[in-house]
Amino acid sequence: LPKILSQTAPAFCMGSCSFVVEKSKESTARVVVWREIGVQRSYTMESTLCGCDQGKYKGLQIGTRELEEMGAKFCVGLLRLKRMSSPLEYSLPSSLLDIENELMESSCKVT
């Protein structure tokens, strides 16, 4: 999922990701869900209200439109991850694929 987001979401920065389980993070939901329940892909996504220091939003304040864009890109990323991880056993209705294409091409773009 992080690799997909790094390719599609301008506000997402793979270089800022950390997948290390530090002692101070052992009680976080992400780590507890992974250790105790066995969820393989458990992540925490953090945001900023101050602004970005990289990418197309570098130096700009993050607003509602950028957060909505990230949410839409996240949903599309989940669809892509599902298709990539089990393409033979899971097929999406064509209407969802149309929505994915529409999100990627138009409504997610912030001008």
N, C-alpha and C. Protein backbone atom coordinates (compact mmCIF):
# COMPACT_ATOMS: atom_id res chain seq x y z
N LEU A 1 0.81 -1.19 0.00
CA LEU A 1 0.00 0.00 0.00
C LEU A 1 0.86 1.27 0.00
N PRO A 2 1.90 1.34 0.83
CA PRO A 2 2.73 2.55 0.79
C PRO A 2 3.38 2.78 -0.59
N LYS A 3 3.80 1.71 -1.25
CA LYS A 3 4.40 1.87 -2.59
C LYS A 3 3.38 2.39 -3.59
N ILE A 4 2.16 1.88 -3.51
CA ILE A 4 1.10 2.34 -4.40
C ILE A 4 0.83 3.82 -4.15
N LEU A 5 0.73 4.20 -2.88
CA LEU A 5 0.45 5.60 -2.55
C LEU A 5 1.59 6.52 -2.98
N SER A 6 2.81 6.03 -2.88
CA SER A 6 3.94 6.87 -3.29
C SER A 6 3.92 7.14 -4.79
N GLN A 7 3.28 6.26 -5.56
CA GLN A 7 3.19 6.43 -7.00
C GLN A 7 1.99 7.29 -7.41
N THR A 8 0.95 7.33 -6.58
CA THR A 8 -0.29 7.98 -7.01
C THR A 8 -0.67 9.23 -6.22
N ALA A 9 -0.24 9.35 -4.99
CA ALA A 9 -0.67 10.45 -4.13
C ALA A 9 0.45 11.48 -3.96
N PRO A 10 0.26 12.68 -4.49
CA PRO A 10 1.32 13.68 -4.42
C PRO A 10 1.69 14.11 -3.00
N ALA A 11 0.78 13.97 -2.06
CA ALA A 11 1.07 14.40 -0.69
C ALA A 11 1.71 13.28 0.14
N PHE A 12 1.86 12.09 -0.43
CA PHE A 12 2.43 10.96 0.30
C PHE A 12 3.91 10.86 0.01
N CYS A 13 4.70 10.65 1.05
CA CYS A 13 6.16 10.58 0.89
C CYS A 13 6.68 9.26 1.47
N MET A 14 7.10 8.36 0.59
CA MET A 14 7.63 7.07 1.03
C MET A 14 8.87 7.26 1.90
N GLY A 15 9.65 8.29 1.62
CA GLY A 15 10.86 8.55 2.39
C GLY A 15 10.59 8.89 3.84
N SER A 16 9.37 9.32 4.14
CA SER A 16 9.01 9.64 5.52
C SER A 16 8.42 8.44 6.26
N CYS A 17 8.29 7.33 5.57
CA CYS A 17 7.71 6.13 6.19
C CYS A 17 8.73 5.41 7.05
N SER A 18 8.24 4.82 8.12
CA SER A 18 9.08 3.99 8.98
C SER A 18 8.30 2.72 9.30
N PHE A 19 8.93 1.57 9.02
CA PHE A 19 8.27 0.29 9.26
C PHE A 19 8.90 -0.45 10.43
N VAL A 20 9.74 0.24 11.16
CA VAL A 20 10.41 -0.33 12.32
C VAL A 20 9.45 -0.31 13.51
N VAL A 21 9.46 -1.40 14.28
CA VAL A 21 8.64 -1.45 15.48
C VAL A 21 9.54 -1.06 16.65
N GLU A 22 9.45 0.20 17.04
CA GLU A 22 10.26 0.72 18.14
C GLU A 22 9.57 0.42 19.47
N LYS A 23 10.33 0.39 20.52
CA LYS A 23 9.78 0.11 21.85
C LYS A 23 8.65 1.10 22.20
N SER A 24 8.84 2.35 21.83
CA SER A 24 7.83 3.37 22.14
C SER A 24 6.53 3.18 21.35
N LYS A 25 6.56 2.36 20.31
CA LYS A 25 5.38 2.14 19.46
C LYS A 25 4.69 0.80 19.74
N GLU A 26 5.20 0.02 20.70
CA GLU A 26 4.66 -1.31 20.93
C GLU A 26 3.22 -1.34 21.39
N SER A 27 2.72 -0.25 21.97
CA SER A 27 1.34 -0.23 22.44
C SER A 27 0.40 0.45 21.44
N THR A 28 0.92 0.83 20.28
CA THR A 28 0.05 1.46 19.28
C THR A 28 -0.84 0.41 18.63
N ALA A 29 -1.98 0.84 18.13
CA ALA A 29 -2.94 -0.08 17.51
C ALA A 29 -2.30 -0.85 16.36
N ARG A 30 -1.48 -0.17 15.57
CA ARG A 30 -0.84 -0.81 14.42
C ARG A 30 -0.01 -2.01 14.84
N VAL A 31 0.78 -1.87 15.89
CA VAL A 31 1.65 -2.95 16.33
C VAL A 31 0.86 -4.04 17.07
N VAL A 32 -0.09 -3.64 17.89
CA VAL A 32 -0.90 -4.61 18.63
C VAL A 32 -1.71 -5.48 17.66
N VAL A 33 -2.32 -4.86 16.66
CA VAL A 33 -3.10 -5.61 15.67
C VAL A 33 -2.20 -6.57 14.91
N TRP A 34 -1.01 -6.15 14.59
CA TRP A 34 -0.07 -7.01 13.88
C TRP A 34 0.38 -8.19 14.75
N ARG A 35 0.78 -7.90 15.99
CA ARG A 35 1.31 -8.95 16.86
C ARG A 35 0.24 -9.90 17.40
N GLU A 36 -0.84 -9.35 17.90
CA GLU A 36 -1.82 -10.17 18.61
C GLU A 36 -2.88 -10.80 17.70
N ILE A 37 -3.20 -10.14 16.59
CA ILE A 37 -4.24 -10.67 15.71
C ILE A 37 -3.63 -11.24 14.42
N GLY A 38 -2.43 -10.82 14.10
CA GLY A 38 -1.74 -11.34 12.92
C GLY A 38 -2.07 -10.62 11.62
N VAL A 39 -2.56 -9.38 11.71
CA VAL A 39 -2.83 -8.60 10.50
C VAL A 39 -1.49 -8.24 9.87
N GLN A 40 -1.28 -8.71 8.65
CA GLN A 40 0.01 -8.52 7.98
C GLN A 40 0.26 -7.08 7.55
N ARG A 41 -0.79 -6.40 7.12
CA ARG A 41 -0.62 -5.02 6.63
C ARG A 41 -1.37 -4.07 7.56
N SER A 42 -0.71 -3.68 8.61
CA SER A 42 -1.29 -2.76 9.58
C SER A 42 -0.45 -1.49 9.59
N TYR A 43 -1.07 -0.37 9.23
CA TYR A 43 -0.34 0.89 9.08
C TYR A 43 -0.98 2.01 9.89
N THR A 44 -0.20 3.03 10.13
CA THR A 44 -0.70 4.28 10.68
C THR A 44 -0.33 5.35 9.66
N MET A 45 -1.32 6.14 9.25
CA MET A 45 -1.04 7.24 8.34
C MET A 45 -1.17 8.54 9.11
N GLU A 46 -0.13 9.32 9.10
CA GLU A 46 -0.15 10.58 9.81
C GLU A 46 -0.25 11.72 8.81
N SER A 47 -0.77 12.82 9.28
CA SER A 47 -0.92 13.99 8.43
C SER A 47 -0.35 15.21 9.13
N THR A 48 -0.33 16.29 8.43
CA THR A 48 0.14 17.54 8.99
C THR A 48 -0.90 18.62 8.74
N LEU A 49 -0.97 19.56 9.59
CA LEU A 49 -1.80 20.73 9.35
C LEU A 49 -0.94 21.92 8.97
N CYS A 50 0.36 21.73 9.07
CA CYS A 50 1.29 22.84 8.80
C CYS A 50 1.62 22.98 7.33
N GLY A 51 1.97 21.89 6.69
CA GLY A 51 2.34 21.95 5.29
C GLY A 51 3.33 20.88 4.93
N CYS A 52 3.64 20.81 3.65
CA CYS A 52 4.56 19.79 3.14
C CYS A 52 5.95 20.38 2.93
N ASP A 53 6.94 19.52 3.04
CA ASP A 53 8.31 19.95 2.77
C ASP A 53 8.88 19.22 1.55
N GLN A 54 7.99 18.59 0.75
CA GLN A 54 8.41 17.87 -0.44
C GLN A 54 7.26 17.78 -1.43
N GLY A 55 7.58 17.37 -2.64
CA GLY A 55 6.56 17.14 -3.65
C GLY A 55 5.89 18.39 -4.18
N LYS A 56 4.75 18.19 -4.86
CA LYS A 56 4.09 19.32 -5.50
C LYS A 56 3.46 20.28 -4.51
N TYR A 57 3.31 19.87 -3.26
CA TYR A 57 2.74 20.75 -2.24
C TYR A 57 3.81 21.37 -1.34
N LYS A 58 5.06 21.25 -1.72
CA LYS A 58 6.15 21.80 -0.91
C LYS A 58 5.91 23.28 -0.64
N GLY A 59 5.99 23.63 0.64
CA GLY A 59 5.85 25.02 1.05
C GLY A 59 4.41 25.51 1.15
N LEU A 60 3.46 24.65 0.88
CA LEU A 60 2.05 25.04 0.92
C LEU A 60 1.35 24.49 2.15
N GLN A 61 0.37 25.21 2.63
CA GLN A 61 -0.47 24.76 3.75
C GLN A 61 -1.39 23.64 3.26
N ILE A 62 -1.59 22.63 4.08
CA ILE A 62 -2.50 21.53 3.75
C ILE A 62 -3.92 21.96 4.12
N GLY A 63 -4.84 21.80 3.20
CA GLY A 63 -6.23 22.17 3.44
C GLY A 63 -7.16 20.99 3.21
N THR A 64 -8.44 21.29 3.26
CA THR A 64 -9.46 20.26 3.09
C THR A 64 -9.34 19.56 1.75
N ARG A 65 -9.09 20.31 0.70
CA ARG A 65 -9.00 19.69 -0.64
C ARG A 65 -7.86 18.69 -0.73
N GLU A 66 -6.72 19.03 -0.14
CA GLU A 66 -5.58 18.11 -0.18
C GLU A 66 -5.85 16.86 0.67
N LEU A 67 -6.52 17.04 1.80
CA LEU A 67 -6.87 15.88 2.63
C LEU A 67 -7.90 15.00 1.94
N GLU A 68 -8.86 15.62 1.26
CA GLU A 68 -9.84 14.83 0.49
C GLU A 68 -9.16 14.09 -0.65
N GLU A 69 -8.21 14.75 -1.30
CA GLU A 69 -7.46 14.09 -2.37
C GLU A 69 -6.72 12.88 -1.82
N MET A 70 -6.08 13.02 -0.66
CA MET A 70 -5.35 11.91 -0.07
C MET A 70 -6.30 10.77 0.27
N GLY A 71 -7.47 11.09 0.79
CA GLY A 71 -8.46 10.06 1.10
C GLY A 71 -8.91 9.31 -0.13
N ALA A 72 -9.14 10.03 -1.23
CA ALA A 72 -9.54 9.39 -2.48
C ALA A 72 -8.42 8.51 -3.02
N LYS A 73 -7.20 9.01 -2.98
CA LYS A 73 -6.05 8.22 -3.45
C LYS A 73 -5.85 6.99 -2.57
N PHE A 74 -6.11 7.12 -1.28
CA PHE A 74 -6.01 5.98 -0.36
C PHE A 74 -7.01 4.89 -0.76
N CYS A 75 -8.25 5.29 -1.04
CA CYS A 75 -9.28 4.33 -1.45
C CYS A 75 -8.90 3.63 -2.75
N VAL A 76 -8.41 4.39 -3.71
CA VAL A 76 -7.96 3.81 -4.97
C VAL A 76 -6.79 2.86 -4.72
N GLY A 77 -5.90 3.24 -3.81
CA GLY A 77 -4.77 2.38 -3.47
C GLY A 77 -5.22 1.05 -2.89
N LEU A 78 -6.27 1.08 -2.05
CA LEU A 78 -6.81 -0.16 -1.50
C LEU A 78 -7.38 -1.05 -2.60
N LEU A 79 -8.09 -0.45 -3.57
CA LEU A 79 -8.61 -1.22 -4.70
C LEU A 79 -7.48 -1.87 -5.48
N ARG A 80 -6.44 -1.10 -5.75
CA ARG A 80 -5.30 -1.64 -6.51
C ARG A 80 -4.58 -2.73 -5.73
N LEU A 81 -4.42 -2.54 -4.43
CA LEU A 81 -3.76 -3.54 -3.61
C LEU A 81 -4.55 -4.85 -3.63
N LYS A 82 -5.86 -4.76 -3.52
CA LYS A 82 -6.69 -5.96 -3.55
C LYS A 82 -6.57 -6.67 -4.88
N ARG A 83 -6.59 -5.92 -5.97
CA ARG A 83 -6.45 -6.54 -7.29
C ARG A 83 -5.08 -7.18 -7.46
N MET A 84 -4.03 -6.54 -6.95
CA MET A 84 -2.68 -7.06 -7.11
C MET A 84 -2.43 -8.29 -6.24
N SER A 85 -3.06 -8.33 -5.06
CA SER A 85 -2.77 -9.41 -4.12
C SER A 85 -3.59 -10.67 -4.37
N SER A 86 -4.73 -10.54 -5.06
CA SER A 86 -5.53 -11.73 -5.33
C SER A 86 -6.33 -11.57 -6.62
N PRO A 87 -5.65 -11.39 -7.75
CA PRO A 87 -6.36 -11.10 -8.99
C PRO A 87 -7.24 -12.23 -9.49
N LEU A 88 -6.90 -13.47 -9.20
CA LEU A 88 -7.68 -14.58 -9.73
C LEU A 88 -8.93 -14.89 -8.91
N GLU A 89 -8.86 -14.65 -7.62
CA GLU A 89 -10.00 -15.01 -6.77
C GLU A 89 -10.94 -13.85 -6.50
N TYR A 90 -10.59 -12.67 -6.98
CA TYR A 90 -11.40 -11.50 -6.66
C TYR A 90 -11.52 -10.62 -7.89
N SER A 91 -12.70 -10.39 -8.33
CA SER A 91 -12.87 -9.46 -9.45
C SER A 91 -13.81 -8.35 -9.02
N LEU A 92 -13.47 -7.14 -9.39
CA LEU A 92 -14.27 -5.97 -9.03
C LEU A 92 -15.34 -5.74 -10.07
N PRO A 93 -16.50 -5.30 -9.64
CA PRO A 93 -17.52 -4.90 -10.62
C PRO A 93 -16.97 -3.78 -11.49
N SER A 94 -17.35 -3.76 -12.75
CA SER A 94 -16.82 -2.76 -13.67
C SER A 94 -17.14 -1.34 -13.21
N SER A 95 -18.23 -1.16 -12.46
CA SER A 95 -18.57 0.18 -11.98
C SER A 95 -17.51 0.70 -11.01
N LEU A 96 -16.92 -0.19 -10.19
CA LEU A 96 -15.86 0.24 -9.28
C LEU A 96 -14.60 0.59 -10.05
N LEU A 97 -14.31 -0.15 -11.10
CA LEU A 97 -13.14 0.18 -11.92
C LEU A 97 -13.33 1.51 -12.61
N ASP A 98 -14.56 1.81 -13.03
CA ASP A 98 -14.84 3.12 -13.62
C ASP A 98 -14.62 4.22 -12.60
N ILE A 99 -15.04 3.99 -11.36
CA ILE A 99 -14.85 4.97 -10.29
C ILE A 99 -13.36 5.17 -10.05
N GLU A 100 -12.60 4.08 -10.04
CA GLU A 100 -11.15 4.19 -9.83
C GLU A 100 -10.53 5.06 -10.91
N ASN A 101 -10.87 4.81 -12.15
CA ASN A 101 -10.32 5.61 -13.25
C ASN A 101 -10.73 7.06 -13.14
N GLU A 102 -11.97 7.30 -12.79
CA GLU A 102 -12.45 8.68 -12.65
C GLU A 102 -11.71 9.41 -11.53
N LEU A 103 -11.51 8.73 -10.40
CA LEU A 103 -10.78 9.34 -9.29
C LEU A 103 -9.35 9.67 -9.68
N MET A 104 -8.72 8.76 -10.38
CA MET A 104 -7.32 8.97 -10.76
C MET A 104 -7.17 10.07 -11.80
N GLU A 105 -8.15 10.22 -12.68
CA GLU A 105 -8.01 11.16 -13.78
C GLU A 105 -8.53 12.56 -13.49
N SER A 106 -9.57 12.70 -12.67
CA SER A 106 -10.15 14.02 -12.57
C SER A 106 -10.38 14.50 -11.16
N SER A 107 -11.26 13.90 -10.44
CA SER A 107 -11.74 14.49 -9.20
C SER A 107 -10.70 14.58 -8.08
N CYS A 108 -9.62 13.84 -8.20
CA CYS A 108 -8.59 13.91 -7.16
C CYS A 108 -7.60 15.02 -7.39
N LYS A 109 -7.62 15.58 -8.56
CA LYS A 109 -6.63 16.61 -8.87
C LYS A 109 -6.97 17.92 -8.17
N VAL A 110 -6.00 18.46 -7.50
CA VAL A 110 -6.17 19.73 -6.81
C VAL A 110 -5.47 20.79 -7.64
N THR A 111 -6.18 21.84 -7.95
CA THR A 111 -5.58 22.89 -8.78
C THR A 111 -5.29 24.11 -7.95
